[in-house]
Structures are given as structure tokens and as C-alpha cells.
Amino acid sequence: MTRHKMRTVFLIFTLLLNGLFIQSQEIIALPYEKPESVSWEGGEKAFFSTIWNTEVVCNVSVPTMEVFRPAPGTANGTSVVIAPGGGLYALSIESEGNMVARWLAERGITAFVLKYRLVPTGEDGVRDLNETSKNNLEEFKRLISVVIPYSVADGLAAVKHVREHAKEWGLKEDRIGFMGFSAGGAVTMGVAYNATPESGPDFLVPVYAWTDAMPVQPVSADQPPMLVICASDDPLGLASGSLDLYKSWYDARLRVALHMYSKGGHGFGMRSQGLPSDSWIERFYDWGIAEELINPAGK
């Protein structure tokens, strides 16, 4: 075998190993207090939703997070907790969770996909979401208001856990971010508004955040940098809430950026639509480097 062929074989073998390493499953159980006002039956459900055309998880009663580590020697010390969306009835675990985590891990960022507590549902949380929001809007709002404090508590516990174990994982304690989509964006902002020094993220990335579930609030001068992402044509009307989030940070003279795409709709996550919004995660990476939150050289 020639030296060139040996080098090619070695490169392919290395890439395969790196891919296997990034995709290896490592689940962390998070501490939580059992609520008195909410109860779940039947355990967590994971399935392919034909309504959303993607993998989902619902009926989450025990918070956990899956770790996606970069390949050995490629970690840069930055980490991100990812909160998928799903109306607090389900989690779009693939497009807004695992795919995001793999992309980040491939670029040296350690990612944690969070399963936070959701509204108790039956076998199909997506169907329950649609039926309740359509047929009994007041009950839908009530259930959301009851469960979201527990979802936020899970987000805070996730950041605290990462920070407590940062040194043993080779992570930087001051480069722990929180990224959330839709309802996960509501969790993101709830974490920001309720953080302590131990549980506070070092940067925030609310992606088409559901600000009805977590209204925009006045912010203090110690809030971390934030990148807001949304599309003007979001059919749920979330663009205005994203603008309000940006303005709240801007008015407080905090570090903030906004990417508002003209097209993209809602729930685009890592889906490819042939639109500029497809590259939102690359713009996040660029922003992270500019804000000195991500160092590609790992320093």
C-alpha cells in the first residue's frame, strides 16, 4: 500500500471513530424536587410524530440530559445546554436537539441535550397539544403555566451541573451557554431571569422563543450576552417577541445580537429548507467567536 493510500485509510478510520465518539450515548440524571401539583403516568414516550414529521419525546417527568462530546483533542472548552421545543407538550428531540448537538460537537463544543419536564400526556403528546389548544384553550394555558416553573428549574439544574463538573470534563466555567427553541426558548429565558451565580449561563441563544409562555421581563445589568434568532414569517407570531427580547437587552446596554430572517417559518431547527435561515447555526458560531465565547483553537 502506498503512503498516500495509507494516509487516506487512516483519515477515514479517524473520521469514523470521531463520529462514533460524538454519537455515543451518555445520559446524566439531574436533581429535582417532585411537584405536588403535577403527576405523570405511563413513563416517557419517544416516537416518530407523523404530525410534525420528526422524532419527538413526550410525557417527560424526570429531567435528564444527553452529552455529546467532541472527538478527543478537539474540545475548545465551550459548552451549550440545548432545550428542544415542542409547546411544553413534547420535545422535537432530533431537529432541535441531537442534530444541533452533533453539529456543535464536531466543532469542539460540548453539547448537552436537555429533556426538561413537560405537561403530562398520553401516548402522543403532539396530538394532545393540538387537541387541547384547539378545543380548550384555557385549559391549555393553565397546564402550561403549571408546568413551566418545573421546566425552568430543570434548565437551572442543568447549567449548575455542568458548571460543578466543568473541570473534570475539561470545560471552562465561564463559557457555558444555554440555547432553546420555541418552548425551549421560553425555558432559556426563564433560566436567564431566575439564575443564581451557580446556575446562570454565560450566554443565551433563544431561537424563535415562545414569549407568551415566558413573557419578556426587565433585565439587570449582569445578564450575559445574547443572540436572538427568529423568522419574520413565523406563523405563531413569535417575531415580535424576539424583537422585544432584543430590545430589552439593548435598552439595558447589554451585549446582544439579532438575526431576523425574512423567511423560515416556525420550528426550522436543523431542517434544510433552501433558505438563508438554514445557516443560522453557522451565524451562532461566528457570533460566539466574535464575542470570545468560542475559541476554535481551544484556548
C-alpha atoms as a PDB file:
ATOM      1  CA  MET A   1       0.000   0.000   0.000  1.00  0.00           C
ATOM      2  CA  THR A   2       1.364   3.434  -0.941  1.00  0.00           C
ATOM      3  CA  ARG A   3       1.916   6.136   1.644  1.00  0.00           C
ATOM      4  CA  HIS A   4      -0.907   8.166   0.091  1.00  0.00           C
ATOM      5  CA  LYS A   5      -3.364   5.262   0.360  1.00  0.00           C
ATOM      6  CA  MET A   6      -2.297   4.569   3.943  1.00  0.00           C
ATOM      7  CA  ARG A   7      -2.899   8.206   4.817  1.00  0.00           C
ATOM      8  CA  THR A   8      -6.357   8.096   3.208  1.00  0.00           C
ATOM      9  CA  VAL A   9      -7.305   4.908   5.070  1.00  0.00           C
ATOM     10  CA  PHE A  10      -6.083   6.398   8.348  1.00  0.00           C
ATOM     11  CA  LEU A  11      -8.093   9.575   7.754  1.00  0.00           C
ATOM     12  CA  ILE A  12     -11.270   7.620   7.035  1.00  0.00           C
ATOM     13  CA  PHE A  13     -10.721   5.450  10.120  1.00  0.00           C
ATOM     14  CA  THR A  14     -10.175   8.554  12.256  1.00  0.00           C
ATOM     15  CA  LEU A  15     -13.346  10.211  10.959  1.00  0.00           C
ATOM     16  CA  LEU A  16     -15.355   7.067  11.674  1.00  0.00           C
ATOM     17  CA  LEU A  17     -14.004   6.900  15.197  1.00  0.00           C
ATOM     18  CA  ASN A  18     -14.742  10.580  15.773  1.00  0.00           C
ATOM     19  CA  GLY A  19     -18.297  10.104  14.519  1.00  0.00           C
ATOM     20  CA  LEU A  20     -18.818   7.148  16.816  1.00  0.00           C
ATOM     21  CA  PHE A  21     -17.381   9.085  19.726  1.00  0.00           C
ATOM     22  CA  ILE A  22     -19.664  12.079  19.183  1.00  0.00           C
ATOM     23  CA  GLN A  23     -22.755   9.874  18.838  1.00  0.00           C
ATOM     24  CA  SER A  24     -22.053   7.695  21.878  1.00  0.00           C
ATOM     25  CA  GLN A  25     -24.835   7.919  24.426  1.00  0.00           C
ATOM     26  CA  GLU A  26     -24.138   9.305  27.871  1.00  0.00           C
ATOM     27  CA  ILE A  27     -27.164  10.222  29.981  1.00  0.00           C
ATOM     28  CA  ILE A  28     -26.977  12.397  33.096  1.00  0.00           C
ATOM     29  CA  ALA A  29     -29.809  12.357  35.629  1.00  0.00           C
ATOM     30  CA  LEU A  30     -30.493  15.815  37.075  1.00  0.00           C
ATOM     31  CA  PRO A  31     -31.633  16.515  40.630  1.00  0.00           C
ATOM     32  CA  TYR A  32     -35.230  17.695  41.005  1.00  0.00           C
ATOM     33  CA  GLU A  33     -37.990  18.090  43.543  1.00  0.00           C
ATOM     34  CA  LYS A  34     -41.130  16.085  42.935  1.00  0.00           C
ATOM     35  CA  PRO A  35     -44.021  18.512  42.383  1.00  0.00           C
ATOM     36  CA  GLU A  36     -47.207  18.272  44.395  1.00  0.00           C
ATOM     37  CA  SER A  37     -49.406  19.824  41.717  1.00  0.00           C
ATOM     38  CA  VAL A  38     -48.397  17.680  38.705  1.00  0.00           C
ATOM     39  CA  SER A  39     -48.351  13.903  38.251  1.00  0.00           C
ATOM     40  CA  TRP A  40     -47.333  11.762  35.295  1.00  0.00           C
ATOM     41  CA  GLU A  41     -48.410   8.249  34.347  1.00  0.00           C
ATOM     42  CA  GLY A  42     -47.018   5.712  31.918  1.00  0.00           C
ATOM     43  CA  GLY A  43     -43.436   6.930  31.651  1.00  0.00           C
ATOM     44  CA  GLU A  44     -41.591   8.901  28.993  1.00  0.00           C
ATOM     45  CA  LYS A  45     -42.592   8.280  25.360  1.00  0.00           C
ATOM     46  CA  ALA A  46     -40.285   8.501  22.316  1.00  0.00           C
ATOM     47  CA  PHE A  47     -41.650   8.079  18.784  1.00  0.00           C
ATOM     48  CA  PHE A  48     -41.739   9.493  15.274  1.00  0.00           C
ATOM     49  CA  SER A  49     -44.509  12.076  15.006  1.00  0.00           C
ATOM     50  CA  THR A  50     -46.312  11.983  11.677  1.00  0.00           C
ATOM     51  CA  ILE A  51     -47.861  15.337  12.619  1.00  0.00           C
ATOM     52  CA  TRP A  52     -44.506  17.102  12.986  1.00  0.00           C
ATOM     53  CA  ASN A  53     -42.658  14.678  10.699  1.00  0.00           C
ATOM     54  CA  THR A  54     -39.795  14.235  13.152  1.00  0.00           C
ATOM     55  CA  GLU A  55     -38.673  12.285  16.212  1.00  0.00           C
ATOM     56  CA  VAL A  56     -40.227  13.514  19.454  1.00  0.00           C
ATOM     57  CA  VAL A  57     -40.262  12.743  23.164  1.00  0.00           C
ATOM     58  CA  CYS A  58     -43.234  13.447  25.439  1.00  0.00           C
ATOM     59  CA  ASN A  59     -44.519  12.868  28.981  1.00  0.00           C
ATOM     60  CA  VAL A  60     -41.124  13.711  30.499  1.00  0.00           C
ATOM     61  CA  SER A  61     -41.357  13.565  34.300  1.00  0.00           C
ATOM     62  CA  VAL A  62     -37.678  13.044  35.196  1.00  0.00           C
ATOM     63  CA  PRO A  63     -35.157  15.606  33.866  1.00  0.00           C
ATOM     64  CA  THR A  64     -32.069  14.245  32.147  1.00  0.00           C
ATOM     65  CA  MET A  65     -29.545  15.403  29.591  1.00  0.00           C
ATOM     66  CA  GLU A  66     -27.539  13.545  26.983  1.00  0.00           C
ATOM     67  CA  VAL A  67     -23.910  14.509  26.500  1.00  0.00           C
ATOM     68  CA  PHE A  68     -22.380  14.967  23.056  1.00  0.00           C
ATOM     69  CA  ARG A  69     -18.620  15.279  23.490  1.00  0.00           C
ATOM     70  CA  PRO A  70     -16.199  16.428  20.798  1.00  0.00           C
ATOM     71  CA  ALA A  71     -13.680  13.935  19.499  1.00  0.00           C
ATOM     72  CA  PRO A  72     -10.527  13.609  21.662  1.00  0.00           C
ATOM     73  CA  GLY A  73      -8.194  16.536  21.241  1.00  0.00           C
ATOM     74  CA  THR A  74     -10.755  18.804  19.560  1.00  0.00           C
ATOM     75  CA  ALA A  75     -12.669  20.302  22.521  1.00  0.00           C
ATOM     76  CA  ASN A  76     -12.359  24.069  22.909  1.00  0.00           C
ATOM     77  CA  GLY A  77     -13.786  24.357  26.438  1.00  0.00           C
ATOM     78  CA  THR A  78     -17.118  25.887  25.445  1.00  0.00           C
ATOM     79  CA  SER A  79     -20.328  24.030  26.275  1.00  0.00           C
ATOM     80  CA  VAL A  80     -24.008  24.536  25.457  1.00  0.00           C
ATOM     81  CA  VAL A  81     -27.146  23.183  27.111  1.00  0.00           C
ATOM     82  CA  ILE A  82     -29.792  22.675  24.405  1.00  0.00           C
ATOM     83  CA  ALA A  83     -33.524  22.819  25.186  1.00  0.00           C
ATOM     84  CA  PRO A  84     -35.628  21.491  22.266  1.00  0.00           C
ATOM     85  CA  GLY A  85     -39.068  22.959  21.650  1.00  0.00           C
ATOM     86  CA  GLY A  86     -42.490  21.372  21.434  1.00  0.00           C
ATOM     87  CA  GLY A  87     -45.067  23.541  23.154  1.00  0.00           C
ATOM     88  CA  LEU A  88     -44.176  22.089  26.576  1.00  0.00           C
ATOM     89  CA  TYR A  89     -46.128  19.001  25.477  1.00  0.00           C
ATOM     90  CA  ALA A  90     -43.292  17.328  23.568  1.00  0.00           C
ATOM     91  CA  LEU A  91     -39.654  17.764  22.589  1.00  0.00           C
ATOM     92  CA  SER A  92     -38.511  17.964  18.972  1.00  0.00           C
ATOM     93  CA  ILE A  93     -35.552  15.921  20.091  1.00  0.00           C
ATOM     94  CA  GLU A  94     -33.826  15.406  16.741  1.00  0.00           C
ATOM     95  CA  SER A  95     -34.079  18.612  14.693  1.00  0.00           C
ATOM     96  CA  GLU A  96     -33.865  20.913  17.729  1.00  0.00           C
ATOM     97  CA  GLY A  97     -31.716  18.690  19.913  1.00  0.00           C
ATOM     98  CA  ASN A  98     -29.487  15.869  18.736  1.00  0.00           C
ATOM     99  CA  MET A  99     -28.690  17.325  15.311  1.00  0.00           C
ATOM    100  CA  VAL A 100     -27.747  20.648  16.902  1.00  0.00           C
ATOM    101  CA  ALA A 101     -25.568  18.852  19.457  1.00  0.00           C
ATOM    102  CA  ARG A 102     -23.735  16.835  16.811  1.00  0.00           C
ATOM    103  CA  TRP A 103     -23.020  19.959  14.770  1.00  0.00           C
ATOM    104  CA  LEU A 104     -21.599  21.715  17.822  1.00  0.00           C
ATOM    105  CA  ALA A 105     -19.562  18.697  18.944  1.00  0.00           C
ATOM    106  CA  GLU A 106     -17.985  18.434  15.511  1.00  0.00           C
ATOM    107  CA  ARG A 107     -16.666  21.959  16.097  1.00  0.00           C
ATOM    108  CA  GLY A 108     -15.252  21.324  19.542  1.00  0.00           C
ATOM    109  CA  ILE A 109     -18.234  22.437  21.632  1.00  0.00           C
ATOM    110  CA  THR A 110     -19.507  20.023  24.271  1.00  0.00           C
ATOM    111  CA  ALA A 111     -23.297  19.850  23.999  1.00  0.00           C
ATOM    112  CA  PHE A 112     -25.944  18.691  26.464  1.00  0.00           C
ATOM    113  CA  VAL A 113     -29.434  17.938  25.113  1.00  0.00           C
ATOM    114  CA  LEU A 114     -31.867  18.598  27.931  1.00  0.00           C
ATOM    115  CA  LYS A 115     -35.083  16.679  28.484  1.00  0.00           C
ATOM    116  CA  TYR A 116     -36.987  19.015  30.785  1.00  0.00           C
ATOM    117  CA  ARG A 117     -40.305  18.218  32.407  1.00  0.00           C
ATOM    118  CA  LEU A 118     -43.394  18.560  30.223  1.00  0.00           C
ATOM    119  CA  VAL A 119     -47.166  18.642  30.524  1.00  0.00           C
ATOM    120  CA  PRO A 120     -48.362  15.088  31.325  1.00  0.00           C
ATOM    121  CA  THR A 121     -49.731  13.464  28.173  1.00  0.00           C
ATOM    122  CA  GLY A 122     -50.839  10.124  26.779  1.00  0.00           C
ATOM    123  CA  GLU A 123     -49.132   8.139  24.052  1.00  0.00           C
ATOM    124  CA  ASP A 124     -48.943  11.072  21.625  1.00  0.00           C
ATOM    125  CA  GLY A 125     -48.105  14.429  23.186  1.00  0.00           C
ATOM    126  CA  VAL A 126     -48.210  16.204  19.825  1.00  0.00           C
ATOM    127  CA  ARG A 127     -51.789  15.092  19.235  1.00  0.00           C
ATOM    128  CA  ASP A 128     -52.703  16.081  22.814  1.00  0.00           C
ATOM    129  CA  LEU A 129     -51.141  19.507  22.243  1.00  0.00           C
ATOM    130  CA  ASN A 130     -53.173  20.091  19.097  1.00  0.00           C
ATOM    131  CA  GLU A 131     -56.439  18.881  20.602  1.00  0.00           C
ATOM    132  CA  THR A 132     -56.147  20.787  23.889  1.00  0.00           C
ATOM    133  CA  SER A 133     -55.000  24.072  22.338  1.00  0.00           C
ATOM    134  CA  LYS A 134     -57.818  23.881  19.770  1.00  0.00           C
ATOM    135  CA  ASN A 135     -60.701  22.621  21.927  1.00  0.00           C
ATOM    136  CA  ASN A 136     -59.891  24.013  25.381  1.00  0.00           C
ATOM    137  CA  LEU A 137     -57.558  26.983  25.162  1.00  0.00           C
ATOM    138  CA  GLU A 138     -57.979  27.987  28.807  1.00  0.00           C
ATOM    139  CA  GLU A 139     -57.009  24.507  29.994  1.00  0.00           C
ATOM    140  CA  PHE A 140     -54.050  24.576  27.630  1.00  0.00           C
ATOM    141  CA  LYS A 141     -52.850  27.868  29.136  1.00  0.00           C
ATOM    142  CA  ARG A 142     -53.414  26.567  32.657  1.00  0.00           C
ATOM    143  CA  LEU A 143     -51.347  23.426  32.077  1.00  0.00           C
ATOM    144  CA  ILE A 144     -48.532  25.444  30.522  1.00  0.00           C
ATOM    145  CA  SER A 145     -48.452  27.846  33.470  1.00  0.00           C
ATOM    146  CA  VAL A 146     -48.385  24.944  35.928  1.00  0.00           C
ATOM    147  CA  VAL A 147     -45.513  23.013  34.332  1.00  0.00           C
ATOM    148  CA  ILE A 148     -43.166  25.752  33.101  1.00  0.00           C
ATOM    149  CA  PRO A 149     -41.669  26.528  36.539  1.00  0.00           C
ATOM    150  CA  TYR A 150     -40.511  22.897  36.684  1.00  0.00           C
ATOM    151  CA  SER A 151     -39.139  23.086  33.136  1.00  0.00           C
ATOM    152  CA  VAL A 152     -37.148  26.182  34.096  1.00  0.00           C
ATOM    153  CA  ALA A 153     -35.937  24.515  37.291  1.00  0.00           C
ATOM    154  CA  ASP A 154     -34.589  21.672  35.146  1.00  0.00           C
ATOM    155  CA  GLY A 155     -32.749  24.180  32.955  1.00  0.00           C
ATOM    156  CA  LEU A 156     -31.173  25.800  36.013  1.00  0.00           C
ATOM    157  CA  ALA A 157     -30.180  22.382  37.363  1.00  0.00           C
ATOM    158  CA  ALA A 158     -28.568  21.546  34.018  1.00  0.00           C
ATOM    159  CA  VAL A 159     -26.355  24.652  33.992  1.00  0.00           C
ATOM    160  CA  LYS A 160     -25.426  24.158  37.635  1.00  0.00           C
ATOM    161  CA  HIS A 161     -24.456  20.535  36.984  1.00  0.00           C
ATOM    162  CA  VAL A 162     -22.272  21.437  34.017  1.00  0.00           C
ATOM    163  CA  ARG A 163     -20.519  24.168  35.996  1.00  0.00           C
ATOM    164  CA  GLU A 164     -19.950  21.892  39.008  1.00  0.00           C
ATOM    165  CA  HIS A 165     -18.307  19.269  36.770  1.00  0.00           C
ATOM    166  CA  ALA A 166     -16.610  21.617  34.324  1.00  0.00           C
ATOM    167  CA  LYS A 167     -13.055  20.970  35.480  1.00  0.00           C
ATOM    168  CA  GLU A 168     -13.297  17.188  35.336  1.00  0.00           C
ATOM    169  CA  TRP A 169     -14.805  17.436  31.838  1.00  0.00           C
ATOM    170  CA  GLY A 170     -12.216  19.931  30.611  1.00  0.00           C
ATOM    171  CA  LEU A 171     -14.771  22.722  30.223  1.00  0.00           C
ATOM    172  CA  LYS A 172     -14.455  26.402  31.038  1.00  0.00           C
ATOM    173  CA  GLU A 173     -16.733  27.510  33.869  1.00  0.00           C
ATOM    174  CA  ASP A 174     -17.309  30.880  32.209  1.00  0.00           C
ATOM    175  CA  ARG A 175     -18.261  29.543  28.753  1.00  0.00           C
ATOM    176  CA  ILE A 176     -21.468  27.619  29.485  1.00  0.00           C
ATOM    177  CA  GLY A 177     -24.284  28.635  27.167  1.00  0.00           C
ATOM    178  CA  PHE A 178     -27.994  27.898  27.010  1.00  0.00           C
ATOM    179  CA  MET A 179     -29.783  27.519  23.669  1.00  0.00           C
ATOM    180  CA  GLY A 180     -33.505  26.852  23.367  1.00  0.00           C
ATOM    181  CA  PHE A 181     -36.081  26.563  20.605  1.00  0.00           C
ATOM    182  CA  SER A 182     -39.697  27.790  20.836  1.00  0.00           C
ATOM    183  CA  ALA A 183     -40.895  26.409  24.217  1.00  0.00           C
ATOM    184  CA  GLY A 184     -37.226  25.651  24.865  1.00  0.00           C
ATOM    185  CA  GLY A 185     -36.640  29.344  24.191  1.00  0.00           C
ATOM    186  CA  ALA A 186     -39.153  30.103  26.938  1.00  0.00           C
ATOM    187  CA  VAL A 187     -37.126  27.812  29.210  1.00  0.00           C
ATOM    188  CA  THR A 188     -33.961  29.628  28.101  1.00  0.00           C
ATOM    189  CA  MET A 189     -35.343  32.982  29.188  1.00  0.00           C
ATOM    190  CA  GLY A 190     -36.780  31.536  32.383  1.00  0.00           C
ATOM    191  CA  VAL A 191     -33.285  30.306  33.209  1.00  0.00           C
ATOM    192  CA  ALA A 192     -31.892  33.785  32.497  1.00  0.00           C
ATOM    193  CA  TYR A 193     -34.479  35.528  34.668  1.00  0.00           C
ATOM    194  CA  ASN A 194     -34.130  33.121  37.608  1.00  0.00           C
ATOM    195  CA  ALA A 195     -30.415  32.307  37.570  1.00  0.00           C
ATOM    196  CA  THR A 196     -28.070  32.308  40.533  1.00  0.00           C
ATOM    197  CA  PRO A 197     -24.280  32.636  40.194  1.00  0.00           C
ATOM    198  CA  GLU A 198     -24.078  28.826  40.191  1.00  0.00           C
ATOM    199  CA  SER A 199     -26.880  28.233  37.674  1.00  0.00           C
ATOM    200  CA  GLY A 200     -26.510  31.241  35.391  1.00  0.00           C
ATOM    201  CA  PRO A 201     -25.477  30.676  31.751  1.00  0.00           C
ATOM    202  CA  ASP A 202     -22.620  32.708  30.284  1.00  0.00           C
ATOM    203  CA  PHE A 203     -24.504  33.289  27.024  1.00  0.00           C
ATOM    204  CA  LEU A 204     -28.039  32.819  25.734  1.00  0.00           C
ATOM    205  CA  VAL A 205     -29.422  31.782  22.353  1.00  0.00           C
ATOM    206  CA  PRO A 206     -33.247  31.913  22.235  1.00  0.00           C
ATOM    207  CA  VAL A 207     -34.356  30.603  18.831  1.00  0.00           C
ATOM    208  CA  TYR A 208     -37.925  31.630  17.902  1.00  0.00           C
ATOM    209  CA  ALA A 209     -38.613  31.818  21.631  1.00  0.00           C
ATOM    210  CA  TRP A 210     -42.194  31.419  22.868  1.00  0.00           C
ATOM    211  CA  THR A 211     -42.509  34.676  24.782  1.00  0.00           C
ATOM    212  CA  ASP A 212     -46.194  34.090  25.572  1.00  0.00           C
ATOM    213  CA  ALA A 213     -45.121  31.226  27.828  1.00  0.00           C
ATOM    214  CA  MET A 214     -42.272  33.276  29.330  1.00  0.00           C
ATOM    215  CA  PRO A 215     -43.048  36.981  28.913  1.00  0.00           C
ATOM    216  CA  VAL A 216     -40.217  39.445  28.337  1.00  0.00           C
ATOM    217  CA  GLN A 217     -39.127  40.958  31.652  1.00  0.00           C
ATOM    218  CA  PRO A 218     -36.937  43.864  32.788  1.00  0.00           C
ATOM    219  CA  VAL A 219     -33.311  42.773  32.994  1.00  0.00           C
ATOM    220  CA  SER A 220     -30.424  43.633  35.251  1.00  0.00           C
ATOM    221  CA  ALA A 221     -27.019  44.819  34.101  1.00  0.00           C
ATOM    222  CA  ASP A 222     -25.373  41.483  34.898  1.00  0.00           C
ATOM    223  CA  GLN A 223     -27.204  39.445  32.246  1.00  0.00           C
ATOM    224  CA  PRO A 224     -24.931  37.582  29.801  1.00  0.00           C
ATOM    225  CA  PRO A 225     -24.567  38.181  26.044  1.00  0.00           C
ATOM    226  CA  MET A 226     -27.495  37.008  23.958  1.00  0.00           C
ATOM    227  CA  LEU A 227     -28.108  36.088  20.319  1.00  0.00           C
ATOM    228  CA  VAL A 228     -31.786  36.160  19.282  1.00  0.00           C
ATOM    229  CA  ILE A 229     -32.848  34.162  16.204  1.00  0.00           C
ATOM    230  CA  CYS A 230     -36.258  34.086  14.502  1.00  0.00           C
ATOM    231  CA  ALA A 231     -38.057  34.467  11.175  1.00  0.00           C
ATOM    232  CA  SER A 232     -40.407  37.329  10.306  1.00  0.00           C
ATOM    233  CA  ASP A 233     -42.894  34.886   8.782  1.00  0.00           C
ATOM    234  CA  ASP A 234     -43.143  32.732  11.919  1.00  0.00           C
ATOM    235  CA  PRO A 235     -46.810  31.621  11.726  1.00  0.00           C
ATOM    236  CA  LEU A 236     -47.109  31.682  15.520  1.00  0.00           C
ATOM    237  CA  GLY A 237     -46.276  35.389  15.570  1.00  0.00           C
ATOM    238  CA  LEU A 238     -43.070  34.942  17.569  1.00  0.00           C
ATOM    239  CA  ALA A 239     -41.078  37.539  15.632  1.00  0.00           C
ATOM    240  CA  SER A 240     -42.460  40.400  17.726  1.00  0.00           C
ATOM    241  CA  GLY A 241     -41.489  38.655  20.963  1.00  0.00           C
ATOM    242  CA  SER A 242     -37.970  38.116  19.624  1.00  0.00           C
ATOM    243  CA  LEU A 243     -37.751  41.821  18.832  1.00  0.00           C
ATOM    244  CA  ASP A 244     -38.896  42.608  22.377  1.00  0.00           C
ATOM    245  CA  LEU A 245     -36.190  40.312  23.764  1.00  0.00           C
ATOM    246  CA  TYR A 246     -33.553  42.065  21.685  1.00  0.00           C
ATOM    247  CA  LYS A 247     -34.807  45.499  22.749  1.00  0.00           C
ATOM    248  CA  SER A 248     -34.832  44.570  26.439  1.00  0.00           C
ATOM    249  CA  TRP A 249     -31.135  43.673  26.242  1.00  0.00           C
ATOM    250  CA  TYR A 250     -30.320  46.642  24.001  1.00  0.00           C
ATOM    251  CA  ASP A 251     -32.077  49.156  26.286  1.00  0.00           C
ATOM    252  CA  ALA A 252     -30.129  47.759  29.258  1.00  0.00           C
ATOM    253  CA  ARG A 253     -26.902  48.287  27.249  1.00  0.00           C
ATOM    254  CA  LEU A 254     -26.143  44.588  27.303  1.00  0.00           C
ATOM    255  CA  ARG A 255     -24.293  42.668  24.590  1.00  0.00           C
ATOM    256  CA  VAL A 256     -26.931  41.434  22.157  1.00  0.00           C
ATOM    257  CA  ALA A 257     -27.348  40.468  18.505  1.00  0.00           C
ATOM    258  CA  LEU A 258     -30.362  39.612  16.369  1.00  0.00           C
ATOM    259  CA  HIS A 259     -30.773  37.516  13.240  1.00  0.00           C
ATOM    260  CA  MET A 260     -34.306  38.010  11.927  1.00  0.00           C
ATOM    261  CA  TYR A 261     -34.767  36.089   8.690  1.00  0.00           C
ATOM    262  CA  SER A 262     -37.498  37.184   6.275  1.00  0.00           C
ATOM    263  CA  LYS A 263     -38.449  33.534   5.651  1.00  0.00           C
ATOM    264  CA  GLY A 264     -38.056  30.393   7.699  1.00  0.00           C
ATOM    265  CA  GLY A 265     -41.388  29.834   9.381  1.00  0.00           C
ATOM    266  CA  HIS A 266     -41.523  28.160  12.777  1.00  0.00           C
ATOM    267  CA  GLY A 267     -39.622  25.144  14.028  1.00  0.00           C
ATOM    268  CA  PHE A 268     -36.957  25.170  11.325  1.00  0.00           C
ATOM    269  CA  GLY A 269     -34.244  23.918  13.688  1.00  0.00           C
ATOM    270  CA  MET A 270     -31.721  21.955  11.632  1.00  0.00           C
ATOM    271  CA  ARG A 271     -34.172  21.306   8.796  1.00  0.00           C
ATOM    272  CA  SER A 272     -32.927  22.215   5.327  1.00  0.00           C
ATOM    273  CA  GLN A 273     -35.407  24.476   3.526  1.00  0.00           C
ATOM    274  CA  GLY A 274     -33.139  26.043   0.926  1.00  0.00           C
ATOM    275  CA  LEU A 275     -33.354  29.381   2.748  1.00  0.00           C
ATOM    276  CA  PRO A 276     -30.830  31.692   4.430  1.00  0.00           C
ATOM    277  CA  SER A 277     -32.277  30.572   7.782  1.00  0.00           C
ATOM    278  CA  ASP A 278     -30.699  27.151   7.139  1.00  0.00           C
ATOM    279  CA  SER A 279     -27.349  28.643   8.157  1.00  0.00           C
ATOM    280  CA  TRP A 280     -28.479  30.142  11.471  1.00  0.00           C
ATOM    281  CA  ILE A 281     -26.205  27.813  13.449  1.00  0.00           C
ATOM    282  CA  GLU A 282     -23.190  28.987  11.466  1.00  0.00           C
ATOM    283  CA  ARG A 283     -24.116  32.564  12.365  1.00  0.00           C
ATOM    284  CA  PHE A 284     -24.263  31.474  16.016  1.00  0.00           C
ATOM    285  CA  TYR A 285     -20.761  30.030  15.689  1.00  0.00           C
ATOM    286  CA  ASP A 286     -19.478  33.256  14.106  1.00  0.00           C
ATOM    287  CA  TRP A 287     -21.123  35.292  16.863  1.00  0.00           C
ATOM    288  CA  GLY A 288     -19.610  33.081  19.549  1.00  0.00           C
ATOM    289  CA  ILE A 289     -16.127  33.627  18.125  1.00  0.00           C
ATOM    290  CA  ALA A 290     -16.676  37.397  17.861  1.00  0.00           C
ATOM    291  CA  GLU A 291     -17.853  37.527  21.486  1.00  0.00           C
ATOM    292  CA  GLU A 292     -14.841  35.429  22.585  1.00  0.00           C
ATOM    293  CA  LEU A 293     -17.172  32.707  23.843  1.00  0.00           C
ATOM    294  CA  ILE A 294     -15.816  30.157  21.366  1.00  0.00           C
ATOM    295  CA  ASN A 295     -12.163  29.715  20.532  1.00  0.00           C
ATOM    296  CA  PRO A 296     -11.646  27.372  17.574  1.00  0.00           C
ATOM    297  CA  ALA A 297      -8.071  26.786  18.729  1.00  0.00           C
ATOM    298  CA  GLY A 298      -9.357  25.522  22.075  1.00  0.00           C
ATOM    299  CA  LYS A 299      -7.568  28.124  24.165  1.00  0.00           C
END
